[in-house]
């Protein structure tokens, strides 16, 4: 239980009597007058309003401590799932699963993979971002076979032509290293006596 020694001074509190009990509503929080260790205190009997502390926009949203929570996060998670990304569960909490899904969306669409919702990422998910240009393409659905970013070495092998043209043999040997010195090169060196 949480107690306050007095009601908030900077707000007007409304006195409410319900079922013979007197409560005080101050800024959306309910207090009950009681005694603790022979001193009059006010027990907080409700939480602050639910929308307090919730993000108003997805732009700038990322993994934080404590986690960002609320309906805005749940809507973001639903949009990520709709685009084909696994958030680990649509629970309204921006945790590591949501961050990973955002990073994959960014990676798949050529955006720096930060895990933070920037304006281009928000637009890919269908959010209106004032002052930002519309995305050129809708979000790419993830390729189930490409669960891990490709290895550049194997990409180079895959891009090699299937039937390379045969090399023509002219019969002339091509030196592998620098050409050997010739007599003309030695002419500039003076002989020792």
C-alpha atoms as a PDB file:
ATOM      1  CA  UNK A   1       0.000   0.000   0.000  1.00  0.00           C
ATOM      2  CA  UNK A   2       1.108   3.515  -0.764  1.00  0.00           C
ATOM      3  CA  UNK A   3       0.416   6.401   1.583  1.00  0.00           C
ATOM      4  CA  UNK A   4       0.707  10.163   1.290  1.00  0.00           C
ATOM      5  CA  UNK A   5       0.905  12.462   4.295  1.00  0.00           C
ATOM      6  CA  UNK A   6      -1.374  14.990   2.579  1.00  0.00           C
ATOM      7  CA  UNK A   7      -3.467  15.380  -0.540  1.00  0.00           C
ATOM      8  CA  UNK A   8      -1.769  17.022  -3.551  1.00  0.00           C
ATOM      9  CA  UNK A   9      -1.618  20.764  -2.947  1.00  0.00           C
ATOM     10  CA  UNK A  10      -1.393  21.870  -6.571  1.00  0.00           C
ATOM     11  CA  UNK A  11      -4.706  20.321  -7.637  1.00  0.00           C
ATOM     12  CA  UNK A  12      -8.306  20.584  -6.639  1.00  0.00           C
ATOM     13  CA  UNK A  13      -9.592  17.426  -5.028  1.00  0.00           C
ATOM     14  CA  UNK A  14     -13.189  16.305  -5.174  1.00  0.00           C
ATOM     15  CA  UNK A  15     -14.690  14.750  -2.053  1.00  0.00           C
ATOM     16  CA  UNK A  16     -16.690  11.599  -2.901  1.00  0.00           C
ATOM     17  CA  UNK A  17     -18.830   9.667  -0.448  1.00  0.00           C
ATOM     18  CA  UNK A  18     -19.648   6.143  -1.523  1.00  0.00           C
ATOM     19  CA  UNK A  19     -21.244   3.441   0.670  1.00  0.00           C
ATOM     20  CA  UNK A  20     -20.423   5.460   3.791  1.00  0.00           C
ATOM     21  CA  UNK A  21     -16.753   5.776   2.820  1.00  0.00           C
ATOM     22  CA  UNK A  22     -15.161   9.131   1.995  1.00  0.00           C
ATOM     23  CA  UNK A  23     -12.705   9.240  -0.893  1.00  0.00           C
ATOM     24  CA  UNK A  24     -10.864  12.136  -2.494  1.00  0.00           C
ATOM     25  CA  UNK A  25     -10.333  12.284  -6.278  1.00  0.00           C
ATOM     26  CA  UNK A  26      -7.270  14.354  -7.171  1.00  0.00           C
ATOM     27  CA  UNK A  27      -6.010  14.397 -10.784  1.00  0.00           C
ATOM     28  CA  UNK A  28      -7.675  11.054 -11.490  1.00  0.00           C
ATOM     29  CA  UNK A  29      -6.189   9.345  -8.419  1.00  0.00           C
ATOM     30  CA  UNK A  30      -8.408   8.195  -5.522  1.00  0.00           C
ATOM     31  CA  UNK A  31      -7.267   8.665  -1.915  1.00  0.00           C
ATOM     32  CA  UNK A  32      -8.818   7.334   1.304  1.00  0.00           C
ATOM     33  CA  UNK A  33      -8.240   9.012   4.635  1.00  0.00           C
ATOM     34  CA  UNK A  34      -6.881   6.604   7.240  1.00  0.00           C
ATOM     35  CA  UNK A  35      -4.381   6.360  10.076  1.00  0.00           C
ATOM     36  CA  UNK A  36      -0.907   4.881  10.045  1.00  0.00           C
ATOM     37  CA  UNK A  37       1.119   4.710  13.285  1.00  0.00           C
ATOM     38  CA  UNK A  38      -1.284   7.169  14.957  1.00  0.00           C
ATOM     39  CA  UNK A  39      -0.843   9.714  12.153  1.00  0.00           C
ATOM     40  CA  UNK A  40      -3.516  10.719   9.627  1.00  0.00           C
ATOM     41  CA  UNK A  41      -2.451   9.701   6.099  1.00  0.00           C
ATOM     42  CA  UNK A  42      -4.085   9.212   2.718  1.00  0.00           C
ATOM     43  CA  UNK A  43      -3.961   5.777   1.177  1.00  0.00           C
ATOM     44  CA  UNK A  44      -3.799   5.739  -2.617  1.00  0.00           C
ATOM     45  CA  UNK A  45      -6.546   3.354  -3.673  1.00  0.00           C
ATOM     46  CA  UNK A  46      -6.304   3.713  -7.465  1.00  0.00           C
ATOM     47  CA  UNK A  47      -3.660   3.964 -10.140  1.00  0.00           C
ATOM     48  CA  UNK A  48      -3.100   7.131 -12.140  1.00  0.00           C
ATOM     49  CA  UNK A  49      -5.076   7.395 -15.386  1.00  0.00           C
ATOM     50  CA  UNK A  50      -4.073   4.687 -17.879  1.00  0.00           C
ATOM     51  CA  UNK A  51      -3.111   7.051 -20.696  1.00  0.00           C
ATOM     52  CA  UNK A  52      -0.506   8.790 -18.565  1.00  0.00           C
ATOM     53  CA  UNK A  53       2.990   7.983 -19.789  1.00  0.00           C
ATOM     54  CA  UNK A  54       1.822   6.215 -22.944  1.00  0.00           C
ATOM     55  CA  UNK A  55       3.478   7.240 -26.196  1.00  0.00           C
ATOM     56  CA  UNK A  56       1.394   9.469 -28.451  1.00  0.00           C
ATOM     57  CA  UNK A  57       3.360   8.540 -31.598  1.00  0.00           C
ATOM     58  CA  UNK A  58       5.363   5.526 -32.699  1.00  0.00           C
ATOM     59  CA  UNK A  59       8.179   7.700 -34.086  1.00  0.00           C
ATOM     60  CA  UNK A  60      11.106   7.444 -31.697  1.00  0.00           C
ATOM     61  CA  UNK A  61       9.720   4.357 -29.969  1.00  0.00           C
ATOM     62  CA  UNK A  62      12.282   1.696 -29.094  1.00  0.00           C
ATOM     63  CA  UNK A  63      13.419  -0.684 -26.395  1.00  0.00           C
ATOM     64  CA  UNK A  64      13.598   1.188 -23.088  1.00  0.00           C
ATOM     65  CA  UNK A  65      13.951   0.397 -19.406  1.00  0.00           C
ATOM     66  CA  UNK A  66      11.251   0.239 -18.168  1.00  0.00           C
ATOM     67  CA  UNK A  67       9.563  -1.091 -21.289  1.00  0.00           C
ATOM     68  CA  UNK A  68       7.184   1.162 -23.215  1.00  0.00           C
ATOM     69  CA  UNK A  69       3.644  -0.174 -22.812  1.00  0.00           C
ATOM     70  CA  UNK A  70       0.123   0.560 -23.978  1.00  0.00           C
ATOM     71  CA  UNK A  71      -2.349   0.519 -26.829  1.00  0.00           C
ATOM     72  CA  UNK A  72       0.035   2.377 -29.159  1.00  0.00           C
ATOM     73  CA  UNK A  73       2.579  -0.441 -28.746  1.00  0.00           C
ATOM     74  CA  UNK A  74      -0.139  -3.062 -29.277  1.00  0.00           C
ATOM     75  CA  UNK A  75      -1.182  -1.357 -32.528  1.00  0.00           C
ATOM     76  CA  UNK A  76       2.478  -1.277 -33.647  1.00  0.00           C
ATOM     77  CA  UNK A  77       2.833  -4.984 -32.851  1.00  0.00           C
ATOM     78  CA  UNK A  78      -0.334  -5.796 -34.837  1.00  0.00           C
ATOM     79  CA  UNK A  79       1.039  -3.899 -37.838  1.00  0.00           C
ATOM     80  CA  UNK A  80       4.372  -5.740 -37.596  1.00  0.00           C
ATOM     81  CA  UNK A  81       2.558  -9.112 -37.445  1.00  0.00           C
ATOM     82  CA  UNK A  82       0.386  -8.025 -40.397  1.00  0.00           C
ATOM     83  CA  UNK A  83       3.559  -7.284 -42.372  1.00  0.00           C
ATOM     84  CA  UNK A  84       4.819 -10.818 -41.602  1.00  0.00           C
ATOM     85  CA  UNK A  85       7.152 -10.243 -38.635  1.00  0.00           C
ATOM     86  CA  UNK A  86       7.125 -12.200 -35.365  1.00  0.00           C
ATOM     87  CA  UNK A  87       6.962  -9.914 -32.319  1.00  0.00           C
ATOM     88  CA  UNK A  88       6.826 -12.784 -29.824  1.00  0.00           C
ATOM     89  CA  UNK A  89       3.255 -11.961 -28.812  1.00  0.00           C
ATOM     90  CA  UNK A  90       0.949  -8.965 -29.188  1.00  0.00           C
ATOM     91  CA  UNK A  91       0.916  -7.874 -25.553  1.00  0.00           C
ATOM     92  CA  UNK A  92       1.305  -4.085 -25.710  1.00  0.00           C
ATOM     93  CA  UNK A  93       4.874  -4.231 -24.348  1.00  0.00           C
ATOM     94  CA  UNK A  94       7.792  -3.047 -26.519  1.00  0.00           C
ATOM     95  CA  UNK A  95      10.230  -5.770 -25.511  1.00  0.00           C
ATOM     96  CA  UNK A  96      13.068  -7.586 -27.244  1.00  0.00           C
ATOM     97  CA  UNK A  97      10.709  -9.513 -29.563  1.00  0.00           C
ATOM     98  CA  UNK A  98       9.189  -6.293 -30.880  1.00  0.00           C
ATOM     99  CA  UNK A  99      12.642  -4.719 -31.225  1.00  0.00           C
ATOM    100  CA  UNK A 100      13.871  -7.731 -33.238  1.00  0.00           C
ATOM    101  CA  UNK A 101      10.810  -7.564 -35.519  1.00  0.00           C
ATOM    102  CA  UNK A 102      11.443  -3.845 -36.129  1.00  0.00           C
ATOM    103  CA  UNK A 103      15.107  -4.545 -36.915  1.00  0.00           C
ATOM    104  CA  UNK A 104      14.169  -7.230 -39.467  1.00  0.00           C
ATOM    105  CA  UNK A 105      11.612  -4.920 -41.090  1.00  0.00           C
ATOM    106  CA  UNK A 106      14.287  -2.233 -41.352  1.00  0.00           C
ATOM    107  CA  UNK A 107      16.880  -4.703 -42.701  1.00  0.00           C
ATOM    108  CA  UNK A 108      14.489  -6.147 -45.294  1.00  0.00           C
ATOM    109  CA  UNK A 109      13.677  -2.648 -46.563  1.00  0.00           C
ATOM    110  CA  UNK A 110      17.180  -1.176 -46.713  1.00  0.00           C
ATOM    111  CA  UNK A 111      16.821   1.019 -43.622  1.00  0.00           C
ATOM    112  CA  UNK A 112      19.526   1.118 -40.954  1.00  0.00           C
ATOM    113  CA  UNK A 113      18.570  -1.629 -38.464  1.00  0.00           C
ATOM    114  CA  UNK A 114      18.375   0.288 -35.190  1.00  0.00           C
ATOM    115  CA  UNK A 115      15.240  -1.246 -33.688  1.00  0.00           C
ATOM    116  CA  UNK A 116      13.913   2.290 -33.121  1.00  0.00           C
ATOM    117  CA  UNK A 117      10.887   3.459 -35.087  1.00  0.00           C
ATOM    118  CA  UNK A 118      12.159   6.278 -37.293  1.00  0.00           C
ATOM    119  CA  UNK A 119       9.936   8.137 -39.815  1.00  0.00           C
ATOM    120  CA  UNK A 120      10.736   5.801 -42.769  1.00  0.00           C
ATOM    121  CA  UNK A 121       9.952   2.725 -40.627  1.00  0.00           C
ATOM    122  CA  UNK A 122       6.706   4.289 -39.374  1.00  0.00           C
ATOM    123  CA  UNK A 123       5.677   5.011 -42.957  1.00  0.00           C
ATOM    124  CA  UNK A 124       6.426   1.426 -44.021  1.00  0.00           C
ATOM    125  CA  UNK A 125       3.982   0.309 -41.343  1.00  0.00           C
ATOM    126  CA  UNK A 126       1.291   2.674 -42.638  1.00  0.00           C
ATOM    127  CA  UNK A 127       1.591   5.467 -40.088  1.00  0.00           C
ATOM    128  CA  UNK A 128       1.168   9.090 -41.186  1.00  0.00           C
ATOM    129  CA  UNK A 129       4.343  10.988 -40.414  1.00  0.00           C
ATOM    130  CA  UNK A 130       3.972  14.758 -40.839  1.00  0.00           C
ATOM    131  CA  UNK A 131       6.674  16.281 -43.038  1.00  0.00           C
ATOM    132  CA  UNK A 132       8.049  12.947 -44.290  1.00  0.00           C
ATOM    133  CA  UNK A 133       7.969  11.615 -47.850  1.00  0.00           C
ATOM    134  CA  UNK A 134       5.866   8.566 -48.644  1.00  0.00           C
ATOM    135  CA  UNK A 135       7.805   5.293 -48.943  1.00  0.00           C
ATOM    136  CA  UNK A 136       8.571   4.128 -52.469  1.00  0.00           C
ATOM    137  CA  UNK A 137       7.471   0.539 -51.794  1.00  0.00           C
ATOM    138  CA  UNK A 138       5.351  -1.260 -49.200  1.00  0.00           C
ATOM    139  CA  UNK A 139       7.180  -3.335 -46.592  1.00  0.00           C
ATOM    140  CA  UNK A 140       8.763  -6.475 -47.929  1.00  0.00           C
ATOM    141  CA  UNK A 141       7.412  -9.660 -46.420  1.00  0.00           C
ATOM    142  CA  UNK A 142      10.244 -11.636 -44.871  1.00  0.00           C
ATOM    143  CA  UNK A 143      11.542 -14.609 -46.845  1.00  0.00           C
ATOM    144  CA  UNK A 144      11.194 -17.676 -44.583  1.00  0.00           C
ATOM    145  CA  UNK A 145      14.325 -19.191 -46.147  1.00  0.00           C
ATOM    146  CA  UNK A 146      16.339 -16.053 -45.363  1.00  0.00           C
ATOM    147  CA  UNK A 147      15.979 -16.201 -41.586  1.00  0.00           C
ATOM    148  CA  UNK A 148      19.662 -15.274 -41.263  1.00  0.00           C
ATOM    149  CA  UNK A 149      21.339 -12.507 -43.280  1.00  0.00           C
ATOM    150  CA  UNK A 150      23.113 -13.998 -46.284  1.00  0.00           C
ATOM    151  CA  UNK A 151      26.851 -14.664 -46.268  1.00  0.00           C
ATOM    152  CA  UNK A 152      28.516 -12.421 -48.897  1.00  0.00           C
ATOM    153  CA  UNK A 153      30.918 -15.257 -49.850  1.00  0.00           C
ATOM    154  CA  UNK A 154      28.071 -17.598 -50.796  1.00  0.00           C
ATOM    155  CA  UNK A 155      26.266 -14.765 -52.611  1.00  0.00           C
ATOM    156  CA  UNK A 156      29.285 -14.300 -54.906  1.00  0.00           C
ATOM    157  CA  UNK A 157      29.278 -18.020 -55.742  1.00  0.00           C
ATOM    158  CA  UNK A 158      25.540 -17.952 -56.441  1.00  0.00           C
ATOM    159  CA  UNK A 159      25.952 -15.007 -58.834  1.00  0.00           C
ATOM    160  CA  UNK A 160      28.644 -16.745 -60.941  1.00  0.00           C
ATOM    161  CA  UNK A 161      27.371 -17.724 -64.415  1.00  0.00           C
ATOM    162  CA  UNK A 162      26.175 -21.310 -64.671  1.00  0.00           C
ATOM    163  CA  UNK A 163      28.072 -22.021 -67.931  1.00  0.00           C
ATOM    164  CA  UNK A 164      31.190 -19.873 -67.998  1.00  0.00           C
ATOM    165  CA  UNK A 165      32.758 -19.358 -71.430  1.00  0.00           C
ATOM    166  CA  UNK A 166      35.854 -21.559 -71.936  1.00  0.00           C
ATOM    167  CA  UNK A 167      39.180 -19.739 -71.742  1.00  0.00           C
ATOM    168  CA  UNK A 168      41.008 -19.458 -75.060  1.00  0.00           C
ATOM    169  CA  UNK A 169      44.518 -20.872 -75.023  1.00  0.00           C
ATOM    170  CA  UNK A 170      46.847 -18.885 -77.276  1.00  0.00           C
ATOM    171  CA  UNK A 171      49.828 -21.002 -76.353  1.00  0.00           C
ATOM    172  CA  UNK A 172      51.747 -18.024 -74.939  1.00  0.00           C
ATOM    173  CA  UNK A 173      52.801 -18.199 -71.342  1.00  0.00           C
ATOM    174  CA  UNK A 174      51.737 -15.255 -69.230  1.00  0.00           C
ATOM    175  CA  UNK A 175      54.160 -14.352 -66.462  1.00  0.00           C
ATOM    176  CA  UNK A 176      52.697 -14.619 -62.996  1.00  0.00           C
ATOM    177  CA  UNK A 177      54.890 -11.987 -61.372  1.00  0.00           C
ATOM    178  CA  UNK A 178      56.996  -9.019 -62.393  1.00  0.00           C
ATOM    179  CA  UNK A 179      58.942  -9.442 -65.623  1.00  0.00           C
ATOM    180  CA  UNK A 180      62.584 -10.538 -65.333  1.00  0.00           C
ATOM    181  CA  UNK A 181      65.306  -7.919 -65.680  1.00  0.00           C
ATOM    182  CA  UNK A 182      66.721  -7.375 -69.162  1.00  0.00           C
ATOM    183  CA  UNK A 183      70.182  -6.326 -70.292  1.00  0.00           C
ATOM    184  CA  UNK A 184      68.799  -2.854 -70.965  1.00  0.00           C
ATOM    185  CA  UNK A 185      67.933  -2.570 -67.302  1.00  0.00           C
ATOM    186  CA  UNK A 186      71.514  -3.531 -66.369  1.00  0.00           C
ATOM    187  CA  UNK A 187      73.014  -0.906 -68.709  1.00  0.00           C
ATOM    188  CA  UNK A 188      72.284   1.859 -66.264  1.00  0.00           C
ATOM    189  CA  UNK A 189      74.313   0.161 -63.542  1.00  0.00           C
ATOM    190  CA  UNK A 190      78.039   1.044 -63.582  1.00  0.00           C
ATOM    191  CA  UNK A 191      80.436  -1.872 -63.206  1.00  0.00           C
ATOM    192  CA  UNK A 192      82.626  -1.974 -60.139  1.00  0.00           C
ATOM    193  CA  UNK A 193      86.419  -1.887 -60.581  1.00  0.00           C
END
